[in-house]
Amino acid sequence: MDARYHAVLDHFKTNIDSGQVKVHRGYSSEVLTTFPDHYFDWMYIDGNHLYEFVMQDLQLALMKSKPGGYITGDDYGREGWWEGGVERAVDEFCRSQRVELIAIRNNQFILKIRSAGSRTV
């Protein structure tokens, strides 16, 4: 993970130096709580793939994202040590939250956050 972190810093060096990009490193459950609610237009989740951690990340992402924004993530439908945790959490989250499943492509999921007044029919 350290190598990946430094690769990200290298890749975005110019943007980081200009203040356009700020990299936050840590657990999502800790880092996301430092941002105000409805802050992000778009979030990408690729953390711990066990069900309970994916669900926690999705719930935090919903709280921290703007209505009309997007929550996206990795490894939907892929098999691995996480025993279907990503797919199960995303499916359950879509049924019980105010999000719309836009697409699943190449094991990536895209959810759109409905505005606060919209309803599922």
PDB file of N, CA and C in Angstrom:
ATOM      1  N   MET A   1       0.805  -1.196   0.000  1.00  0.00           N
ATOM      2  CA  MET A   1       0.000   0.000   0.000  1.00  0.00           C
ATOM      3  C   MET A   1       0.854   1.270   0.000  1.00  0.00           C
ATOM      4  N   ASP A   2       1.990   1.204   0.653  1.00  0.00           N
ATOM      5  CA  ASP A   2       2.876   2.371   0.644  1.00  0.00           C
ATOM      6  C   ASP A   2       3.332   2.696  -0.770  1.00  0.00           C
ATOM      7  N   ALA A   3       3.651   1.671  -1.554  1.00  0.00           N
ATOM      8  CA  ALA A   3       4.085   1.888  -2.943  1.00  0.00           C
ATOM      9  C   ALA A   3       2.963   2.532  -3.757  1.00  0.00           C
ATOM     10  N   ARG A   4       1.734   2.071  -3.567  1.00  0.00           N
ATOM     11  CA  ARG A   4       0.595   2.663  -4.288  1.00  0.00           C
ATOM     12  C   ARG A   4       0.374   4.110  -3.861  1.00  0.00           C
ATOM     13  N   TYR A   5       0.473   4.363  -2.600  1.00  0.00           N
ATOM     14  CA  TYR A   5       0.306   5.720  -2.084  1.00  0.00           C
ATOM     15  C   TYR A   5       1.329   6.665  -2.716  1.00  0.00           C
ATOM     16  N   HIS A   6       2.576   6.247  -2.749  1.00  0.00           N
ATOM     17  CA  HIS A   6       3.622   7.093  -3.340  1.00  0.00           C
ATOM     18  C   HIS A   6       3.446   7.235  -4.844  1.00  0.00           C
ATOM     19  N   ALA A   7       2.917   6.219  -5.498  1.00  0.00           N
ATOM     20  CA  ALA A   7       2.624   6.318  -6.931  1.00  0.00           C
ATOM     21  C   ALA A   7       1.532   7.364  -7.185  1.00  0.00           C
ATOM     22  N   VAL A   8       0.528   7.400  -6.325  1.00  0.00           N
ATOM     23  CA  VAL A   8      -0.528   8.413  -6.445  1.00  0.00           C
ATOM     24  C   VAL A   8       0.061   9.809  -6.234  1.00  0.00           C
ATOM     25  N   LEU A   9       0.884   9.962  -5.214  1.00  0.00           N
ATOM     26  CA  LEU A   9       1.519  11.259  -4.969  1.00  0.00           C
ATOM     27  C   LEU A   9       2.357  11.702  -6.159  1.00  0.00           C
ATOM     28  N   ASP A  10       3.107  10.776  -6.737  1.00  0.00           N
ATOM     29  CA  ASP A  10       3.921  11.094  -7.914  1.00  0.00           C
ATOM     30  C   ASP A  10       3.047  11.474  -9.101  1.00  0.00           C
ATOM     31  N   HIS A  11       1.995  10.699  -9.340  1.00  0.00           N
ATOM     32  CA  HIS A  11       1.124  10.932 -10.484  1.00  0.00           C
ATOM     33  C   HIS A  11       0.441  12.305 -10.418  1.00  0.00           C
ATOM     34  N   PHE A  12       0.023  12.704  -9.225  1.00  0.00           N
ATOM     35  CA  PHE A  12      -0.705  13.962  -9.054  1.00  0.00           C
ATOM     36  C   PHE A  12       0.157  15.089  -8.500  1.00  0.00           C
ATOM     37  N   LYS A  13       1.470  14.948  -8.563  1.00  0.00           N
ATOM     38  CA  LYS A  13       2.383  15.926  -7.957  1.00  0.00           C
ATOM     39  C   LYS A  13       2.070  17.364  -8.368  1.00  0.00           C
ATOM     40  N   THR A  14       1.909  17.607  -9.642  1.00  0.00           N
ATOM     41  CA  THR A  14       1.636  18.963 -10.121  1.00  0.00           C
ATOM     42  C   THR A  14       0.335  19.496  -9.543  1.00  0.00           C
ATOM     43  N   ASN A  15      -0.701  18.655  -9.531  1.00  0.00           N
ATOM     44  CA  ASN A  15      -2.001  19.064  -8.999  1.00  0.00           C
ATOM     45  C   ASN A  15      -1.954  19.264  -7.489  1.00  0.00           C
ATOM     46  N   ILE A  16      -1.180  18.448  -6.804  1.00  0.00           N
ATOM     47  CA  ILE A  16      -1.023  18.591  -5.358  1.00  0.00           C
ATOM     48  C   ILE A  16      -0.280  19.883  -5.049  1.00  0.00           C
ATOM     49  N   ASP A  17       0.806  20.132  -5.776  1.00  0.00           N
ATOM     50  CA  ASP A  17       1.596  21.344  -5.561  1.00  0.00           C
ATOM     51  C   ASP A  17       0.784  22.612  -5.809  1.00  0.00           C
ATOM     52  N   SER A  18      -0.157  22.554  -6.773  1.00  0.00           N
ATOM     53  CA  SER A  18      -0.965  23.736  -7.092  1.00  0.00           C
ATOM     54  C   SER A  18      -2.155  23.899  -6.144  1.00  0.00           C
ATOM     55  N   GLY A  19      -2.414  22.895  -5.314  1.00  0.00           N
ATOM     56  CA  GLY A  19      -3.542  22.951  -4.396  1.00  0.00           C
ATOM     57  C   GLY A  19      -4.842  22.436  -4.997  1.00  0.00           C
ATOM     58  N   GLN A  20      -4.787  21.970  -6.243  1.00  0.00           N
ATOM     59  CA  GLN A  20      -5.980  21.458  -6.906  1.00  0.00           C
ATOM     60  C   GLN A  20      -6.398  20.094  -6.345  1.00  0.00           C
ATOM     61  N   VAL A  21      -5.421  19.289  -5.890  1.00  0.00           N
ATOM     62  CA  VAL A  21      -5.678  17.962  -5.351  1.00  0.00           C
ATOM     63  C   VAL A  21      -5.076  17.884  -3.954  1.00  0.00           C
ATOM     64  N   LYS A  22      -5.850  17.305  -3.046  1.00  0.00           N
ATOM     65  CA  LYS A  22      -5.346  17.039  -1.709  1.00  0.00           C
ATOM     66  C   LYS A  22      -5.585  15.564  -1.422  1.00  0.00           C
ATOM     67  N   VAL A  23      -4.561  14.852  -1.038  1.00  0.00           N
ATOM     68  CA  VAL A  23      -4.656  13.429  -0.775  1.00  0.00           C
ATOM     69  C   VAL A  23      -4.817  13.224   0.732  1.00  0.00           C
ATOM     70  N   HIS A  24      -5.823  12.437   1.090  1.00  0.00           N
ATOM     71  CA  HIS A  24      -6.069  12.093   2.488  1.00  0.00           C
ATOM     72  C   HIS A  24      -5.828  10.601   2.614  1.00  0.00           C
ATOM     73  N   ARG A  25      -4.977  10.213   3.520  1.00  0.00           N
ATOM     74  CA  ARG A  25      -4.666   8.790   3.696  1.00  0.00           C
ATOM     75  C   ARG A  25      -5.135   8.326   5.067  1.00  0.00           C
ATOM     76  N   GLY A  26      -5.903   7.265   5.067  1.00  0.00           N
ATOM     77  CA  GLY A  26      -6.395   6.702   6.316  1.00  0.00           C
ATOM     78  C   GLY A  26      -7.612   5.846   6.058  1.00  0.00           C
ATOM     79  N   TYR A  27      -8.186   5.333   7.113  1.00  0.00           N
ATOM     80  CA  TYR A  27      -9.398   4.540   6.988  1.00  0.00           C
ATOM     81  C   TYR A  27     -10.563   5.453   6.661  1.00  0.00           C
ATOM     82  N   SER A  28     -11.424   5.005   5.761  1.00  0.00           N
ATOM     83  CA  SER A  28     -12.553   5.832   5.347  1.00  0.00           C
ATOM     84  C   SER A  28     -13.422   6.222   6.535  1.00  0.00           C
ATOM     85  N   SER A  29     -13.591   5.318   7.486  1.00  0.00           N
ATOM     86  CA  SER A  29     -14.421   5.612   8.659  1.00  0.00           C
ATOM     87  C   SER A  29     -13.852   6.764   9.486  1.00  0.00           C
ATOM     88  N   GLU A  30     -12.573   7.013   9.372  1.00  0.00           N
ATOM     89  CA  GLU A  30     -11.945   8.129  10.094  1.00  0.00           C
ATOM     90  C   GLU A  30     -11.844   9.369   9.219  1.00  0.00           C
ATOM     91  N   VAL A  31     -11.384   9.204   7.983  1.00  0.00           N
ATOM     92  CA  VAL A  31     -11.149  10.353   7.107  1.00  0.00           C
ATOM     93  C   VAL A  31     -12.462  11.027   6.696  1.00  0.00           C
ATOM     94  N   LEU A  32     -13.470  10.247   6.336  1.00  0.00           N
ATOM     95  CA  LEU A  32     -14.716  10.840   5.852  1.00  0.00           C
ATOM     96  C   LEU A  32     -15.430  11.669   6.908  1.00  0.00           C
ATOM     97  N   THR A  33     -15.264  11.326   8.172  1.00  0.00           N
ATOM     98  CA  THR A  33     -15.931  12.090   9.225  1.00  0.00           C
ATOM     99  C   THR A  33     -15.362  13.499   9.361  1.00  0.00           C
ATOM    100  N   THR A  34     -14.218  13.778   8.761  1.00  0.00           N
ATOM    101  CA  THR A  34     -13.624  15.119   8.821  1.00  0.00           C
ATOM    102  C   THR A  34     -14.234  16.065   7.789  1.00  0.00           C
ATOM    103  N   PHE A  35     -15.052  15.540   6.871  1.00  0.00           N
ATOM    104  CA  PHE A  35     -15.685  16.358   5.845  1.00  0.00           C
ATOM    105  C   PHE A  35     -17.132  16.655   6.232  1.00  0.00           C
ATOM    106  N   PRO A  36     -17.630  17.835   5.828  1.00  0.00           N
ATOM    107  CA  PRO A  36     -19.047  18.121   6.116  1.00  0.00           C
ATOM    108  C   PRO A  36     -19.966  17.218   5.285  1.00  0.00           C
ATOM    109  N   ASP A  37     -21.186  17.058   5.747  1.00  0.00           N
ATOM    110  CA  ASP A  37     -22.180  16.310   4.983  1.00  0.00           C
ATOM    111  C   ASP A  37     -22.435  17.015   3.648  1.00  0.00           C
ATOM    112  N   HIS A  38     -22.808  16.241   2.635  1.00  0.00           N
ATOM    113  CA  HIS A  38     -23.136  16.746   1.298  1.00  0.00           C
ATOM    114  C   HIS A  38     -21.980  17.529   0.670  1.00  0.00           C
ATOM    115  N   TYR A  39     -20.771  17.067   0.873  1.00  0.00           N
ATOM    116  CA  TYR A  39     -19.562  17.747   0.408  1.00  0.00           C
ATOM    117  C   TYR A  39     -19.138  17.305  -0.997  1.00  0.00           C
ATOM    118  N   PHE A  40     -19.210  16.014  -1.275  1.00  0.00           N
ATOM    119  CA  PHE A  40     -18.647  15.454  -2.502  1.00  0.00           C
ATOM    120  C   PHE A  40     -19.685  15.325  -3.610  1.00  0.00           C
ATOM    121  N   ASP A  41     -19.234  15.562  -4.842  1.00  0.00           N
ATOM    122  CA  ASP A  41     -20.052  15.297  -6.028  1.00  0.00           C
ATOM    123  C   ASP A  41     -19.927  13.836  -6.452  1.00  0.00           C
ATOM    124  N   TRP A  42     -18.794  13.245  -6.153  1.00  0.00           N
ATOM    125  CA  TRP A  42     -18.478  11.892  -6.626  1.00  0.00           C
ATOM    126  C   TRP A  42     -17.528  11.242  -5.635  1.00  0.00           C
ATOM    127  N   MET A  43     -17.800   9.972  -5.329  1.00  0.00           N
ATOM    128  CA  MET A  43     -16.917   9.223  -4.435  1.00  0.00           C
ATOM    129  C   MET A  43     -16.666   7.848  -5.040  1.00  0.00           C
ATOM    130  N   TYR A  44     -15.449   7.356  -4.862  1.00  0.00           N
ATOM    131  CA  TYR A  44     -15.076   6.028  -5.343  1.00  0.00           C
ATOM    132  C   TYR A  44     -14.651   5.196  -4.145  1.00  0.00           C
ATOM    133  N   ILE A  45     -15.294   4.032  -3.983  1.00  0.00           N
ATOM    134  CA  ILE A  45     -15.027   3.166  -2.842  1.00  0.00           C
ATOM    135  C   ILE A  45     -14.240   1.948  -3.301  1.00  0.00           C
ATOM    136  N   ASP A  46     -13.116   1.723  -2.671  1.00  0.00           N
ATOM    137  CA  ASP A  46     -12.315   0.515  -2.930  1.00  0.00           C
ATOM    138  C   ASP A  46     -11.538   0.196  -1.656  1.00  0.00           C
ATOM    139  N   GLY A  47     -12.279  -0.145  -0.621  1.00  0.00           N
ATOM    140  CA  GLY A  47     -11.672  -0.425   0.678  1.00  0.00           C
ATOM    141  C   GLY A  47     -11.759  -1.896   1.019  1.00  0.00           C
ATOM    142  N   ASN A  48     -11.951  -2.170   2.284  1.00  0.00           N
ATOM    143  CA  ASN A  48     -12.128  -3.545   2.745  1.00  0.00           C
ATOM    144  C   ASN A  48     -13.393  -4.098   2.097  1.00  0.00           C
ATOM    145  N   HIS A  49     -13.304  -5.259   1.471  1.00  0.00           N
ATOM    146  CA  HIS A  49     -14.402  -5.816   0.687  1.00  0.00           C
ATOM    147  C   HIS A  49     -15.367  -6.689   1.485  1.00  0.00           C
ATOM    148  N   LEU A  50     -15.136  -6.859   2.775  1.00  0.00           N
ATOM    149  CA  LEU A  50     -16.085  -7.612   3.588  1.00  0.00           C
ATOM    150  C   LEU A  50     -17.377  -6.808   3.723  1.00  0.00           C
ATOM    151  N   TYR A  51     -18.490  -7.506   3.750  1.00  0.00           N
ATOM    152  CA  TYR A  51     -19.816  -6.893   3.738  1.00  0.00           C
ATOM    153  C   TYR A  51     -19.945  -5.711   4.705  1.00  0.00           C
ATOM    154  N   GLU A  52     -19.607  -5.915   5.972  1.00  0.00           N
ATOM    155  CA  GLU A  52     -19.848  -4.865   6.966  1.00  0.00           C
ATOM    156  C   GLU A  52     -19.048  -3.596   6.683  1.00  0.00           C
ATOM    157  N   PHE A  53     -17.855  -3.735   6.123  1.00  0.00           N
ATOM    158  CA  PHE A  53     -17.040  -2.566   5.803  1.00  0.00           C
ATOM    159  C   PHE A  53     -17.549  -1.858   4.555  1.00  0.00           C
ATOM    160  N   VAL A  54     -17.982  -2.623   3.564  1.00  0.00           N
ATOM    161  CA  VAL A  54     -18.559  -2.022   2.356  1.00  0.00           C
ATOM    162  C   VAL A  54     -19.823  -1.252   2.726  1.00  0.00           C
ATOM    163  N   MET A  55     -20.684  -1.862   3.542  1.00  0.00           N
ATOM    164  CA  MET A  55     -21.920  -1.194   3.947  1.00  0.00           C
ATOM    165  C   MET A  55     -21.606   0.086   4.711  1.00  0.00           C
ATOM    166  N   GLN A  56     -20.640   0.044   5.595  1.00  0.00           N
ATOM    167  CA  GLN A  56     -20.257   1.252   6.337  1.00  0.00           C
ATOM    168  C   GLN A  56     -19.748   2.334   5.377  1.00  0.00           C
ATOM    169  N   ASP A  57     -18.920   1.950   4.412  1.00  0.00           N
ATOM    170  CA  ASP A  57     -18.419   2.920   3.439  1.00  0.00           C
ATOM    171  C   ASP A  57     -19.548   3.510   2.602  1.00  0.00           C
ATOM    172  N   LEU A  58     -20.502   2.687   2.191  1.00  0.00           N
ATOM    173  CA  LEU A  58     -21.637   3.182   1.411  1.00  0.00           C
ATOM    174  C   LEU A  58     -22.478   4.161   2.218  1.00  0.00           C
ATOM    175  N   GLN A  59     -22.729   3.848   3.471  1.00  0.00           N
ATOM    176  CA  GLN A  59     -23.534   4.733   4.318  1.00  0.00           C
ATOM    177  C   GLN A  59     -22.827   6.068   4.556  1.00  0.00           C
ATOM    178  N   LEU A  60     -21.526   6.009   4.805  1.00  0.00           N
ATOM    179  CA  LEU A  60     -20.753   7.243   4.974  1.00  0.00           C
ATOM    180  C   LEU A  60     -20.717   8.045   3.674  1.00  0.00           C
ATOM    181  N   ALA A  61     -20.536   7.355   2.562  1.00  0.00           N
ATOM    182  CA  ALA A  61     -20.494   8.032   1.268  1.00  0.00           C
ATOM    183  C   ALA A  61     -21.820   8.733   0.977  1.00  0.00           C
ATOM    184  N   LEU A  62     -22.926   8.092   1.300  1.00  0.00           N
ATOM    185  CA  LEU A  62     -24.231   8.712   1.084  1.00  0.00           C
ATOM    186  C   LEU A  62     -24.370   9.982   1.917  1.00  0.00           C
ATOM    187  N   MET A  63     -23.944   9.936   3.154  1.00  0.00           N
ATOM    188  CA  MET A  63     -24.027  11.095   4.042  1.00  0.00           C
ATOM    189  C   MET A  63     -23.134  12.242   3.549  1.00  0.00           C
ATOM    190  N   LYS A  64     -21.999  11.908   2.996  1.00  0.00           N
ATOM    191  CA  LYS A  64     -21.018  12.927   2.624  1.00  0.00           C
ATOM    192  C   LYS A  64     -21.154  13.403   1.182  1.00  0.00           C
ATOM    193  N   SER A  65     -22.054  12.787   0.403  1.00  0.00           N
ATOM    194  CA  SER A  65     -22.228  13.154  -1.009  1.00  0.00           C
ATOM    195  C   SER A  65     -23.453  14.036  -1.204  1.00  0.00           C
ATOM    196  N   LYS A  66     -23.383  14.861  -2.234  1.00  0.00           N
ATOM    197  CA  LYS A  66     -24.486  15.760  -2.564  1.00  0.00           C
ATOM    198  C   LYS A  66     -25.615  15.000  -3.256  1.00  0.00           C
ATOM    199  N   PRO A  67     -26.854  15.426  -3.046  1.00  0.00           N
ATOM    200  CA  PRO A  67     -27.944  14.872  -3.851  1.00  0.00           C
ATOM    201  C   PRO A  67     -27.638  15.089  -5.331  1.00  0.00           C
ATOM    202  N   GLY A  68     -27.881  14.083  -6.131  1.00  0.00           N
ATOM    203  CA  GLY A  68     -27.533  14.149  -7.546  1.00  0.00           C
ATOM    204  C   GLY A  68     -26.114  13.690  -7.826  1.00  0.00           C
ATOM    205  N   GLY A  69     -25.351  13.427  -6.764  1.00  0.00           N
ATOM    206  CA  GLY A  69     -23.969  12.975  -6.904  1.00  0.00           C
ATOM    207  C   GLY A  69     -23.896  11.477  -7.146  1.00  0.00           C
ATOM    208  N   TYR A  70     -22.681  10.979  -7.191  1.00  0.00           N
ATOM    209  CA  TYR A  70     -22.456   9.570  -7.516  1.00  0.00           C
ATOM    210  C   TYR A  70     -21.573   8.888  -6.477  1.00  0.00           C
ATOM    211  N   ILE A  71     -21.903   7.634  -6.231  1.00  0.00           N
ATOM    212  CA  ILE A  71     -21.057   6.740  -5.432  1.00  0.00           C
ATOM    213  C   ILE A  71     -20.679   5.594  -6.360  1.00  0.00           C
ATOM    214  N   THR A  72     -19.405   5.374  -6.522  1.00  0.00           N
ATOM    215  CA  THR A  72     -18.921   4.319  -7.407  1.00  0.00           C
ATOM    216  C   THR A  72     -17.950   3.438  -6.638  1.00  0.00           C
ATOM    217  N   GLY A  73     -17.685   2.265  -7.181  1.00  0.00           N
ATOM    218  CA  GLY A  73     -16.770   1.381  -6.476  1.00  0.00           C
ATOM    219  C   GLY A  73     -16.354   0.197  -7.311  1.00  0.00           C
ATOM    220  N   ASP A  74     -15.540  -0.627  -6.720  1.00  0.00           N
ATOM    221  CA  ASP A  74     -14.829  -1.698  -7.406  1.00  0.00           C
ATOM    222  C   ASP A  74     -15.245  -3.069  -6.888  1.00  0.00           C
ATOM    223  N   ASP A  75     -15.021  -4.058  -7.726  1.00  0.00           N
ATOM    224  CA  ASP A  75     -15.117  -5.483  -7.399  1.00  0.00           C
ATOM    225  C   ASP A  75     -16.528  -5.999  -7.162  1.00  0.00           C
ATOM    226  N   TYR A  76     -17.529  -5.344  -7.751  1.00  0.00           N
ATOM    227  CA  TYR A  76     -18.886  -5.860  -7.703  1.00  0.00           C
ATOM    228  C   TYR A  76     -18.939  -7.126  -8.562  1.00  0.00           C
ATOM    229  N   GLY A  77     -19.406  -8.214  -7.974  1.00  0.00           N
ATOM    230  CA  GLY A  77     -19.555  -9.460  -8.717  1.00  0.00           C
ATOM    231  C   GLY A  77     -18.296 -10.300  -8.837  1.00  0.00           C
ATOM    232  N   ARG A  78     -17.182  -9.799  -8.379  1.00  0.00           N
ATOM    233  CA  ARG A  78     -15.939 -10.577  -8.434  1.00  0.00           C
ATOM    234  C   ARG A  78     -15.869 -11.498  -7.238  1.00  0.00           C
ATOM    235  N   GLU A  79     -15.280 -12.629  -7.447  1.00  0.00           N
ATOM    236  CA  GLU A  79     -15.070 -13.587  -6.359  1.00  0.00           C
ATOM    237  C   GLU A  79     -13.746 -13.292  -5.679  1.00  0.00           C
ATOM    238  N   GLY A  80     -13.683 -13.552  -4.397  1.00  0.00           N
ATOM    239  CA  GLY A  80     -12.446 -13.335  -3.659  1.00  0.00           C
ATOM    240  C   GLY A  80     -12.628 -13.695  -2.201  1.00  0.00           C
ATOM    241  N   TRP A  81     -11.631 -13.375  -1.419  1.00  0.00           N
ATOM    242  CA  TRP A  81     -11.643 -13.684   0.000  1.00  0.00           C
ATOM    243  C   TRP A  81     -12.813 -13.025   0.727  1.00  0.00           C
ATOM    244  N   TRP A  82     -13.406 -12.018   0.123  1.00  0.00           N
ATOM    245  CA  TRP A  82     -14.476 -11.263   0.761  1.00  0.00           C
ATOM    246  C   TRP A  82     -15.849 -11.930   0.635  1.00  0.00           C
ATOM    247  N   GLU A  83     -15.922 -13.069  -0.034  1.00  0.00           N
ATOM    248  CA  GLU A  83     -17.116 -13.907  -0.089  1.00  0.00           C
ATOM    249  C   GLU A  83     -18.373 -13.150  -0.520  1.00  0.00           C
ATOM    250  N   GLY A  84     -18.259 -12.351  -1.579  1.00  0.00           N
ATOM    251  CA  GLY A  84     -19.416 -11.644  -2.125  1.00  0.00           C
ATOM    252  C   GLY A  84     -19.850 -10.432  -1.339  1.00  0.00           C
ATOM    253  N   GLY A  85     -19.007  -9.953  -0.442  1.00  0.00           N
ATOM    254  CA  GLY A  85     -19.372  -8.832   0.421  1.00  0.00           C
ATOM    255  C   GLY A  85     -19.714  -7.559  -0.316  1.00  0.00           C
ATOM    256  N   VAL A  86     -19.003  -7.265  -1.399  1.00  0.00           N
ATOM    257  CA  VAL A  86     -19.262  -6.039  -2.155  1.00  0.00           C
ATOM    258  C   VAL A  86     -20.645  -6.117  -2.802  1.00  0.00           C
ATOM    259  N   GLU A  87     -20.891  -7.189  -3.529  1.00  0.00           N
ATOM    260  CA  GLU A  87     -22.164  -7.330  -4.230  1.00  0.00           C
ATOM    261  C   GLU A  87     -23.343  -7.348  -3.261  1.00  0.00           C
ATOM    262  N   ARG A  88     -23.226  -8.083  -2.184  1.00  0.00           N
ATOM    263  CA  ARG A  88     -24.310  -8.181  -1.202  1.00  0.00           C
ATOM    264  C   ARG A  88     -24.599  -6.818  -0.568  1.00  0.00           C
ATOM    265  N   ALA A  89     -23.542  -6.086  -0.183  1.00  0.00           N
ATOM    266  CA  ALA A  89     -23.736  -4.769   0.439  1.00  0.00           C
ATOM    267  C   ALA A  89     -24.339  -3.775  -0.549  1.00  0.00           C
ATOM    268  N   VAL A  90     -23.834  -3.750  -1.775  1.00  0.00           N
ATOM    269  CA  VAL A  90     -24.360  -2.806  -2.779  1.00  0.00           C
ATOM    270  C   VAL A  90     -25.822  -3.114  -3.074  1.00  0.00           C
ATOM    271  N   ASP A  91     -26.154  -4.377  -3.274  1.00  0.00           N
ATOM    272  CA  ASP A  91     -27.541  -4.753  -3.569  1.00  0.00           C
ATOM    273  C   ASP A  91     -28.475  -4.357  -2.423  1.00  0.00           C
ATOM    274  N   GLU A  92     -28.079  -4.656  -1.205  1.00  0.00           N
ATOM    275  CA  GLU A  92     -28.904  -4.312  -0.042  1.00  0.00           C
ATOM    276  C   GLU A  92     -29.025  -2.805   0.110  1.00  0.00           C
ATOM    277  N   PHE A  93     -27.930  -2.107  -0.079  1.00  0.00           N
ATOM    278  CA  PHE A  93     -27.903  -0.651   0.034  1.00  0.00           C
ATOM    279  C   PHE A  93     -28.862  -0.006  -0.974  1.00  0.00           C
ATOM    280  N   CYS A  94     -28.860  -0.524  -2.190  1.00  0.00           N
ATOM    281  CA  CYS A  94     -29.745   0.023  -3.234  1.00  0.00           C
ATOM    282  C   CYS A  94     -31.216  -0.181  -2.897  1.00  0.00           C
ATOM    283  N   ARG A  95     -31.544  -1.266  -2.258  1.00  0.00           N
ATOM    284  CA  ARG A  95     -32.935  -1.545  -1.898  1.00  0.00           C
ATOM    285  C   ARG A  95     -33.418  -0.673  -0.743  1.00  0.00           C
ATOM    286  N   SER A  96     -32.518  -0.247   0.121  1.00  0.00           N
ATOM    287  CA  SER A  96     -32.961   0.424   1.338  1.00  0.00           C
ATOM    288  C   SER A  96     -32.584   1.906   1.424  1.00  0.00           C
ATOM    289  N   GLN A  97     -31.881   2.417   0.443  1.00  0.00           N
ATOM    290  CA  GLN A  97     -31.443   3.811   0.501  1.00  0.00           C
ATOM    291  C   GLN A  97     -31.979   4.597  -0.690  1.00  0.00           C
ATOM    292  N   ARG A  98     -31.760   5.893  -0.672  1.00  0.00           N
ATOM    293  CA  ARG A  98     -32.220   6.752  -1.761  1.00  0.00           C
ATOM    294  C   ARG A  98     -31.153   6.891  -2.856  1.00  0.00           C
ATOM    295  N   VAL A  99     -30.802   5.752  -3.420  1.00  0.00           N
ATOM    296  CA  VAL A  99     -29.845   5.714  -4.515  1.00  0.00           C
ATOM    297  C   VAL A  99     -30.430   4.906  -5.664  1.00  0.00           C
ATOM    298  N   GLU A 100     -29.953   5.181  -6.857  1.00  0.00           N
ATOM    299  CA  GLU A 100     -30.374   4.458  -8.051  1.00  0.00           C
ATOM    300  C   GLU A 100     -29.150   3.784  -8.653  1.00  0.00           C
ATOM    301  N   LEU A 101     -29.264   2.510  -8.936  1.00  0.00           N
ATOM    302  CA  LEU A 101     -28.183   1.800  -9.608  1.00  0.00           C
ATOM    303  C   LEU A 101     -28.181   2.240 -11.066  1.00  0.00           C
ATOM    304  N   ILE A 102     -27.114   2.885 -11.500  1.00  0.00           N
ATOM    305  CA  ILE A 102     -26.993   3.379 -12.866  1.00  0.00           C
ATOM    306  C   ILE A 102     -26.396   2.311 -13.770  1.00  0.00           C
ATOM    307  N   ALA A 103     -25.319   1.668 -13.299  1.00  0.00           N
ATOM    308  CA  ALA A 103     -24.650   0.677 -14.144  1.00  0.00           C
ATOM    309  C   ALA A 103     -23.706  -0.183 -13.324  1.00  0.00           C
ATOM    310  N   ILE A 104     -23.469  -1.353 -13.882  1.00  0.00           N
ATOM    311  CA  ILE A 104     -22.395  -2.223 -13.412  1.00  0.00           C
ATOM    312  C   ILE A 104     -21.630  -2.615 -14.669  1.00  0.00           C
ATOM    313  N   ARG A 105     -20.374  -2.216 -14.732  1.00  0.00           N
ATOM    314  CA  ARG A 105     -19.530  -2.514 -15.885  1.00  0.00           C
ATOM    315  C   ARG A 105     -18.145  -2.911 -15.409  1.00  0.00           C
ATOM    316  N   ASN A 106     -17.667  -4.011 -15.946  1.00  0.00           N
ATOM    317  CA  ASN A 106     -16.314  -4.465 -15.609  1.00  0.00           C
ATOM    318  C   ASN A 106     -16.081  -4.492 -14.098  1.00  0.00           C
ATOM    319  N   ASN A 107     -17.069  -4.982 -13.380  1.00  0.00           N
ATOM    320  CA  ASN A 107     -17.020  -5.114 -11.921  1.00  0.00           C
ATOM    321  C   ASN A 107     -16.992  -3.781 -11.177  1.00  0.00           C
ATOM    322  N   GLN A 108     -17.338  -2.697 -11.864  1.00  0.00           N
ATOM    323  CA  GLN A 108     -17.447  -1.381 -11.240  1.00  0.00           C
ATOM    324  C   GLN A 108     -18.922  -1.057 -11.086  1.00  0.00           C
ATOM    325  N   PHE A 109     -19.329  -0.527  -9.938  1.00  0.00           N
ATOM    326  CA  PHE A 109     -20.721  -0.118  -9.773  1.00  0.00           C
ATOM    327  C   PHE A 109     -20.818   1.400  -9.746  1.00  0.00           C
ATOM    328  N   ILE A 110     -21.941   1.905 -10.258  1.00  0.00           N
ATOM    329  CA  ILE A 110     -22.211   3.342 -10.290  1.00  0.00           C
ATOM    330  C   ILE A 110     -23.602   3.562  -9.718  1.00  0.00           C
ATOM    331  N   LEU A 111     -23.681   4.313  -8.636  1.00  0.00           N
ATOM    332  CA  LEU A 111     -24.946   4.650  -7.995  1.00  0.00           C
ATOM    333  C   LEU A 111     -25.142   6.154  -8.068  1.00  0.00           C
ATOM    334  N   LYS A 112     -26.360   6.586  -8.352  1.00  0.00           N
ATOM    335  CA  LYS A 112     -26.675   8.016  -8.341  1.00  0.00           C
ATOM    336  C   LYS A 112     -27.562   8.294  -7.138  1.00  0.00           C
ATOM    337  N   ILE A 113     -27.239   9.357  -6.421  1.00  0.00           N
ATOM    338  CA  ILE A 113     -27.987   9.739  -5.227  1.00  0.00           C
ATOM    339  C   ILE A 113     -29.185  10.566  -5.663  1.00  0.00           C
ATOM    340  N   ARG A 114     -30.353  10.111  -5.267  1.00  0.00           N
ATOM    341  CA  ARG A 114     -31.573  10.852  -5.584  1.00  0.00           C
ATOM    342  C   ARG A 114     -31.657  12.097  -4.722  1.00  0.00           C
ATOM    343  N   SER A 115     -32.362  13.090  -5.198  1.00  0.00           N
ATOM    344  CA  SER A 115     -32.570  14.279  -4.377  1.00  0.00           C
ATOM    345  C   SER A 115     -33.443  13.895  -3.189  1.00  0.00           C
ATOM    346  N   ALA A 116     -33.384  14.675  -2.156  1.00  0.00           N
ATOM    347  CA  ALA A 116     -34.040  14.341  -0.885  1.00  0.00           C
ATOM    348  C   ALA A 116     -35.542  14.119  -1.037  1.00  0.00           C
ATOM    349  N   GLY A 117     -36.198  14.803  -1.959  1.00  0.00           N
ATOM    350  CA  GLY A 117     -37.641  14.662  -2.104  1.00  0.00           C
ATOM    351  C   GLY A 117     -38.080  13.552  -3.038  1.00  0.00           C
ATOM    352  N   SER A 118     -37.160  12.920  -3.746  1.00  0.00           N
ATOM    353  CA  SER A 118     -37.562  11.900  -4.728  1.00  0.00           C
ATOM    354  C   SER A 118     -37.905  10.589  -4.046  1.00  0.00           C
ATOM    355  N   ARG A 119     -38.784   9.825  -4.700  1.00  0.00           N
ATOM    356  CA  ARG A 119     -39.214   8.550  -4.151  1.00  0.00           C
ATOM    357  C   ARG A 119     -38.972   7.452  -5.174  1.00  0.00           C
ATOM    358  N   THR A 120     -38.846   6.242  -4.673  1.00  0.00           N
ATOM    359  CA  THR A 120     -38.740   5.071  -5.527  1.00  0.00           C
ATOM    360  C   THR A 120     -40.146   4.571  -5.822  1.00  0.00           C
ATOM    361  N   VAL A 121     -40.413   4.228  -7.079  1.00  0.00           N
ATOM    362  CA  VAL A 121     -41.726   3.679  -7.443  1.00  0.00           C
ATOM    363  C   VAL A 121     -41.583   2.262  -7.928  1.00  0.00           C
TER     364      VAL A 121
END
